[in-house]
Amino acid sequence: MNQSLMPWKTLAATVGVGVLSDGWNLADPPSADEPRVFTLEVAFASAFFSTPVVTLGLTGFDMDPYTASRISLKVVDPSRTGFKVEIATWRDSRVYSVEFNWFAIGA
């Protein structure tokens, strides 16, 4: 099928991760001034014809109230079948949980 005639497809979901997630390291006390990063793989319910555009929106978090609140979310390695999300914090910030929405649009 001609890609220029493909209908748009959208997928979206809400994801919550935190201290009960395998590999969560954002609540650990910092051992250096290096960022701490948790990576999560997200698989689409159905594949796109080509790599879609993926956006993220932070909708909730639980952080240590006695330190500065620092957090970043980033889409990494988007593909036809899914993507990775990198959630990071740095310095003395301690993150116990994060909730975010993602939205993917493409053909």
N, C-alpha and C. Protein backbone atom coordinates (compact mmCIF):
# COMPACT_ATOMS: atom_id res chain seq x y z
N MET A 1 0.84 -1.17 0.00
CA MET A 1 0.00 0.00 0.00
C MET A 1 0.89 1.24 0.00
N ASN A 2 0.50 2.24 -0.70
CA ASN A 2 1.24 3.49 -0.76
C ASN A 2 1.20 4.17 0.61
N GLN A 3 2.38 4.46 1.19
CA GLN A 3 2.44 5.03 2.53
C GLN A 3 1.73 6.38 2.61
N SER A 4 1.73 7.15 1.54
CA SER A 4 1.07 8.45 1.59
C SER A 4 -0.45 8.31 1.72
N LEU A 5 -0.98 7.12 1.45
CA LEU A 5 -2.41 6.89 1.58
C LEU A 5 -2.78 6.15 2.85
N MET A 6 -1.80 5.86 3.71
CA MET A 6 -2.07 5.13 4.95
C MET A 6 -2.84 6.03 5.92
N PRO A 7 -3.85 5.49 6.58
CA PRO A 7 -4.57 6.29 7.57
C PRO A 7 -3.70 6.49 8.82
N TRP A 8 -3.93 7.57 9.55
CA TRP A 8 -3.23 7.80 10.80
C TRP A 8 -3.69 6.79 11.84
N LYS A 9 -2.75 6.41 12.68
CA LYS A 9 -3.04 5.49 13.77
C LYS A 9 -2.55 6.15 15.05
N THR A 10 -3.32 6.03 16.13
CA THR A 10 -2.89 6.57 17.42
C THR A 10 -3.04 5.50 18.49
N LEU A 11 -2.10 5.49 19.41
CA LEU A 11 -2.17 4.62 20.58
C LEU A 11 -1.75 5.47 21.78
N ALA A 12 -2.28 5.14 22.95
CA ALA A 12 -1.94 5.90 24.16
C ALA A 12 -2.17 5.03 25.38
N ALA A 13 -1.50 5.39 26.47
CA ALA A 13 -1.69 4.67 27.74
C ALA A 13 -1.13 5.50 28.88
N THR A 14 -1.49 5.09 30.09
CA THR A 14 -0.92 5.65 31.31
C THR A 14 -0.09 4.56 31.97
N VAL A 15 1.10 4.92 32.45
CA VAL A 15 2.02 3.95 33.05
C VAL A 15 2.44 4.48 34.42
N GLY A 16 2.50 3.58 35.38
CA GLY A 16 3.01 3.92 36.70
C GLY A 16 4.13 2.96 37.08
N VAL A 17 5.25 3.49 37.55
CA VAL A 17 6.38 2.68 38.00
C VAL A 17 6.92 3.28 39.29
N GLY A 18 7.67 2.48 40.04
CA GLY A 18 8.22 2.99 41.28
C GLY A 18 9.02 1.95 42.03
N VAL A 19 9.12 2.13 43.32
CA VAL A 19 10.00 1.31 44.15
C VAL A 19 9.68 -0.19 44.07
N LEU A 20 8.48 -0.55 43.69
CA LEU A 20 8.14 -1.97 43.54
C LEU A 20 8.47 -2.52 42.16
N SER A 21 8.96 -1.67 41.25
CA SER A 21 9.35 -2.10 39.89
C SER A 21 10.77 -2.66 39.92
N ASP A 22 10.98 -3.79 39.24
CA ASP A 22 12.32 -4.39 39.17
C ASP A 22 13.32 -3.40 38.61
N GLY A 23 14.44 -3.24 39.30
CA GLY A 23 15.50 -2.37 38.82
C GLY A 23 15.37 -0.90 39.19
N TRP A 24 14.30 -0.53 39.91
CA TRP A 24 14.10 0.88 40.28
C TRP A 24 15.26 1.33 41.17
N ASN A 25 15.97 2.36 40.77
CA ASN A 25 17.12 2.86 41.52
C ASN A 25 17.02 4.35 41.85
N LEU A 26 15.90 4.96 41.58
CA LEU A 26 15.78 6.41 41.75
C LEU A 26 15.52 6.83 43.19
N ALA A 27 15.18 5.87 44.06
CA ALA A 27 14.98 6.18 45.48
C ALA A 27 16.24 5.92 46.28
N ASP A 28 17.26 5.32 45.66
CA ASP A 28 18.51 5.03 46.35
C ASP A 28 19.24 6.33 46.69
N PRO A 29 19.91 6.36 47.83
CA PRO A 29 20.73 7.54 48.11
C PRO A 29 21.83 7.66 47.06
N PRO A 30 22.13 8.85 46.64
CA PRO A 30 23.16 9.01 45.60
C PRO A 30 24.54 8.62 46.13
N SER A 31 25.31 7.94 45.28
CA SER A 31 26.68 7.58 45.66
C SER A 31 27.68 8.53 45.01
N ALA A 32 27.24 9.29 44.06
CA ALA A 32 28.08 10.27 43.36
C ALA A 32 27.16 11.33 42.78
N ASP A 33 27.74 12.28 42.09
CA ASP A 33 26.93 13.34 41.48
C ASP A 33 26.48 12.94 40.08
N GLU A 34 26.43 11.65 39.81
CA GLU A 34 26.00 11.13 38.51
C GLU A 34 24.47 10.96 38.51
N PRO A 35 23.85 11.16 37.37
CA PRO A 35 22.40 10.91 37.28
C PRO A 35 22.10 9.43 37.52
N ARG A 36 20.96 9.16 38.13
CA ARG A 36 20.45 7.79 38.26
C ARG A 36 19.32 7.66 37.26
N VAL A 37 19.34 6.59 36.47
CA VAL A 37 18.39 6.43 35.36
C VAL A 37 17.70 5.08 35.48
N PHE A 38 16.38 5.09 35.34
CA PHE A 38 15.59 3.87 35.25
C PHE A 38 15.02 3.82 33.83
N THR A 39 15.22 2.69 33.15
CA THR A 39 14.74 2.53 31.78
C THR A 39 13.60 1.52 31.75
N LEU A 40 12.52 1.88 31.08
CA LEU A 40 11.33 1.04 30.95
C LEU A 40 11.03 0.83 29.48
N GLU A 41 10.79 -0.42 29.10
CA GLU A 41 10.39 -0.71 27.72
C GLU A 41 8.88 -0.76 27.62
N VAL A 42 8.35 -0.07 26.63
CA VAL A 42 6.91 -0.02 26.37
C VAL A 42 6.66 -0.65 25.01
N ALA A 43 5.79 -1.66 24.96
CA ALA A 43 5.43 -2.31 23.69
C ALA A 43 4.05 -1.83 23.27
N PHE A 44 3.92 -1.50 21.99
CA PHE A 44 2.62 -1.11 21.46
C PHE A 44 1.69 -2.32 21.39
N ALA A 45 0.40 -2.10 21.54
CA ALA A 45 -0.59 -3.17 21.42
C ALA A 45 -0.61 -3.74 20.00
N SER A 46 -0.30 -2.91 19.02
CA SER A 46 -0.16 -3.36 17.63
C SER A 46 0.89 -2.48 16.96
N ALA A 47 1.62 -3.05 16.02
CA ALA A 47 2.72 -2.34 15.38
C ALA A 47 2.21 -1.27 14.41
N PHE A 48 3.02 -0.23 14.26
CA PHE A 48 2.78 0.81 13.26
C PHE A 48 3.43 0.38 11.95
N PHE A 49 3.02 0.99 10.85
CA PHE A 49 3.63 0.73 9.55
C PHE A 49 5.05 1.29 9.50
N SER A 50 5.24 2.47 10.12
CA SER A 50 6.56 3.10 10.22
C SER A 50 6.70 3.66 11.64
N THR A 51 7.89 4.09 12.01
CA THR A 51 8.13 4.59 13.36
C THR A 51 7.26 5.81 13.65
N PRO A 52 6.44 5.76 14.70
CA PRO A 52 5.56 6.89 15.03
C PRO A 52 6.29 7.96 15.84
N VAL A 53 5.65 9.09 15.99
CA VAL A 53 6.11 10.12 16.91
C VAL A 53 5.51 9.79 18.28
N VAL A 54 6.33 9.79 19.32
CA VAL A 54 5.87 9.46 20.67
C VAL A 54 6.12 10.64 21.59
N THR A 55 5.10 11.02 22.36
CA THR A 55 5.25 12.09 23.34
C THR A 55 4.94 11.54 24.73
N LEU A 56 5.52 12.17 25.73
CA LEU A 56 5.30 11.79 27.13
C LEU A 56 4.77 12.97 27.90
N GLY A 57 3.97 12.69 28.91
CA GLY A 57 3.49 13.74 29.81
C GLY A 57 3.52 13.24 31.24
N LEU A 58 4.25 13.91 32.10
CA LEU A 58 4.33 13.56 33.51
C LEU A 58 3.00 13.89 34.17
N THR A 59 2.37 12.90 34.81
CA THR A 59 1.07 13.13 35.43
C THR A 59 1.10 12.96 36.94
N GLY A 60 2.18 12.38 37.48
CA GLY A 60 2.26 12.23 38.92
C GLY A 60 3.63 11.75 39.35
N PHE A 61 3.97 12.02 40.61
CA PHE A 61 5.23 11.54 41.15
C PHE A 61 5.16 11.57 42.68
N ASP A 62 6.01 10.78 43.31
CA ASP A 62 6.19 10.77 44.75
C ASP A 62 7.68 10.92 45.00
N MET A 63 8.07 12.01 45.67
CA MET A 63 9.48 12.29 45.91
C MET A 63 9.71 12.61 47.37
N ASP A 64 10.95 12.44 47.78
CA ASP A 64 11.36 12.78 49.13
C ASP A 64 11.12 14.28 49.36
N PRO A 65 10.35 14.64 50.39
CA PRO A 65 10.04 16.06 50.59
C PRO A 65 11.19 16.87 51.18
N TYR A 66 12.26 16.20 51.60
CA TYR A 66 13.37 16.90 52.24
C TYR A 66 14.53 17.20 51.31
N THR A 67 14.37 16.85 50.03
CA THR A 67 15.40 17.14 49.03
C THR A 67 14.74 17.83 47.84
N ALA A 68 15.55 18.40 46.97
CA ALA A 68 15.01 19.06 45.78
C ALA A 68 14.35 18.01 44.87
N SER A 69 13.28 18.42 44.21
CA SER A 69 12.56 17.53 43.29
C SER A 69 13.12 17.70 41.89
N ARG A 70 13.85 16.69 41.43
CA ARG A 70 14.44 16.72 40.09
C ARG A 70 14.04 15.44 39.37
N ILE A 71 13.48 15.61 38.18
CA ILE A 71 13.08 14.43 37.39
C ILE A 71 13.04 14.79 35.92
N SER A 72 13.40 13.85 35.09
CA SER A 72 13.25 14.04 33.64
C SER A 72 12.73 12.75 33.03
N LEU A 73 11.94 12.90 31.97
CA LEU A 73 11.42 11.78 31.19
C LEU A 73 11.86 11.97 29.75
N LYS A 74 12.30 10.87 29.13
CA LYS A 74 12.76 10.99 27.75
C LYS A 74 12.40 9.72 26.97
N VAL A 75 11.90 9.90 25.74
CA VAL A 75 11.66 8.78 24.83
C VAL A 75 12.99 8.40 24.19
N VAL A 76 13.29 7.09 24.20
CA VAL A 76 14.53 6.59 23.62
C VAL A 76 14.20 5.42 22.69
N ASP A 77 14.89 5.35 21.58
CA ASP A 77 14.78 4.23 20.64
C ASP A 77 13.34 3.90 20.20
N PRO A 78 12.58 4.89 19.71
CA PRO A 78 11.25 4.56 19.21
C PRO A 78 11.36 3.65 17.98
N SER A 79 10.41 2.75 17.84
CA SER A 79 10.38 1.84 16.69
C SER A 79 8.92 1.59 16.33
N ARG A 80 8.69 0.76 15.33
CA ARG A 80 7.33 0.41 14.91
C ARG A 80 6.57 -0.35 16.00
N THR A 81 7.31 -1.04 16.89
CA THR A 81 6.68 -1.93 17.87
C THR A 81 6.70 -1.41 19.30
N GLY A 82 7.41 -0.30 19.54
CA GLY A 82 7.45 0.23 20.91
C GLY A 82 8.56 1.25 21.08
N PHE A 83 8.91 1.52 22.32
CA PHE A 83 9.94 2.51 22.63
C PHE A 83 10.42 2.27 24.06
N LYS A 84 11.46 2.97 24.45
CA LYS A 84 11.94 2.96 25.82
C LYS A 84 11.73 4.34 26.42
N VAL A 85 11.50 4.36 27.73
CA VAL A 85 11.40 5.61 28.47
C VAL A 85 12.55 5.63 29.47
N GLU A 86 13.30 6.71 29.46
CA GLU A 86 14.32 6.92 30.48
C GLU A 86 13.79 7.93 31.49
N ILE A 87 13.72 7.49 32.74
CA ILE A 87 13.31 8.36 33.84
C ILE A 87 14.57 8.60 34.66
N ALA A 88 14.92 9.86 34.87
CA ALA A 88 16.18 10.15 35.55
C ALA A 88 16.00 11.17 36.66
N THR A 89 16.90 11.07 37.63
CA THR A 89 17.03 12.09 38.67
C THR A 89 18.51 12.23 38.96
N TRP A 90 18.89 13.25 39.71
CA TRP A 90 20.30 13.50 39.96
C TRP A 90 20.46 14.21 41.29
N ARG A 91 21.73 14.35 41.68
CA ARG A 91 22.12 14.96 42.95
C ARG A 91 21.45 14.23 44.11
N ASP A 92 20.85 14.94 45.07
CA ASP A 92 20.30 14.27 46.25
C ASP A 92 18.81 13.94 46.14
N SER A 93 18.22 14.15 44.99
CA SER A 93 16.79 13.85 44.80
C SER A 93 16.54 12.35 44.93
N ARG A 94 15.41 12.03 45.56
CA ARG A 94 15.00 10.62 45.69
C ARG A 94 13.56 10.51 45.20
N VAL A 95 13.36 9.67 44.19
CA VAL A 95 12.06 9.51 43.54
C VAL A 95 11.52 8.12 43.90
N TYR A 96 10.31 8.09 44.47
CA TYR A 96 9.71 6.82 44.88
C TYR A 96 8.76 6.25 43.84
N SER A 97 8.12 7.11 43.07
CA SER A 97 7.26 6.62 41.99
C SER A 97 7.02 7.73 40.98
N VAL A 98 6.67 7.31 39.76
CA VAL A 98 6.38 8.22 38.66
C VAL A 98 5.20 7.67 37.88
N GLU A 99 4.31 8.56 37.47
CA GLU A 99 3.21 8.19 36.57
C GLU A 99 3.28 9.12 35.37
N PHE A 100 3.11 8.54 34.19
CA PHE A 100 3.14 9.35 32.97
C PHE A 100 2.19 8.78 31.94
N ASN A 101 1.76 9.65 31.03
CA ASN A 101 0.98 9.26 29.85
C ASN A 101 1.90 9.25 28.65
N TRP A 102 1.65 8.35 27.72
CA TRP A 102 2.36 8.41 26.43
C TRP A 102 1.31 8.39 25.32
N PHE A 103 1.70 9.00 24.22
CA PHE A 103 0.83 9.08 23.06
C PHE A 103 1.70 8.87 21.81
N ALA A 104 1.30 7.94 20.97
CA ALA A 104 2.04 7.66 19.74
C ALA A 104 1.12 7.89 18.54
N ILE A 105 1.63 8.58 17.52
CA ILE A 105 0.86 8.84 16.31
C ILE A 105 1.74 8.60 15.10
N GLY A 106 1.18 7.91 14.13
CA GLY A 106 1.91 7.61 12.90
C GLY A 106 1.04 6.80 11.96
N ALA A 107 1.66 6.26 10.95
CA ALA A 107 0.93 5.43 9.98
C ALA A 107 1.17 3.98 10.26
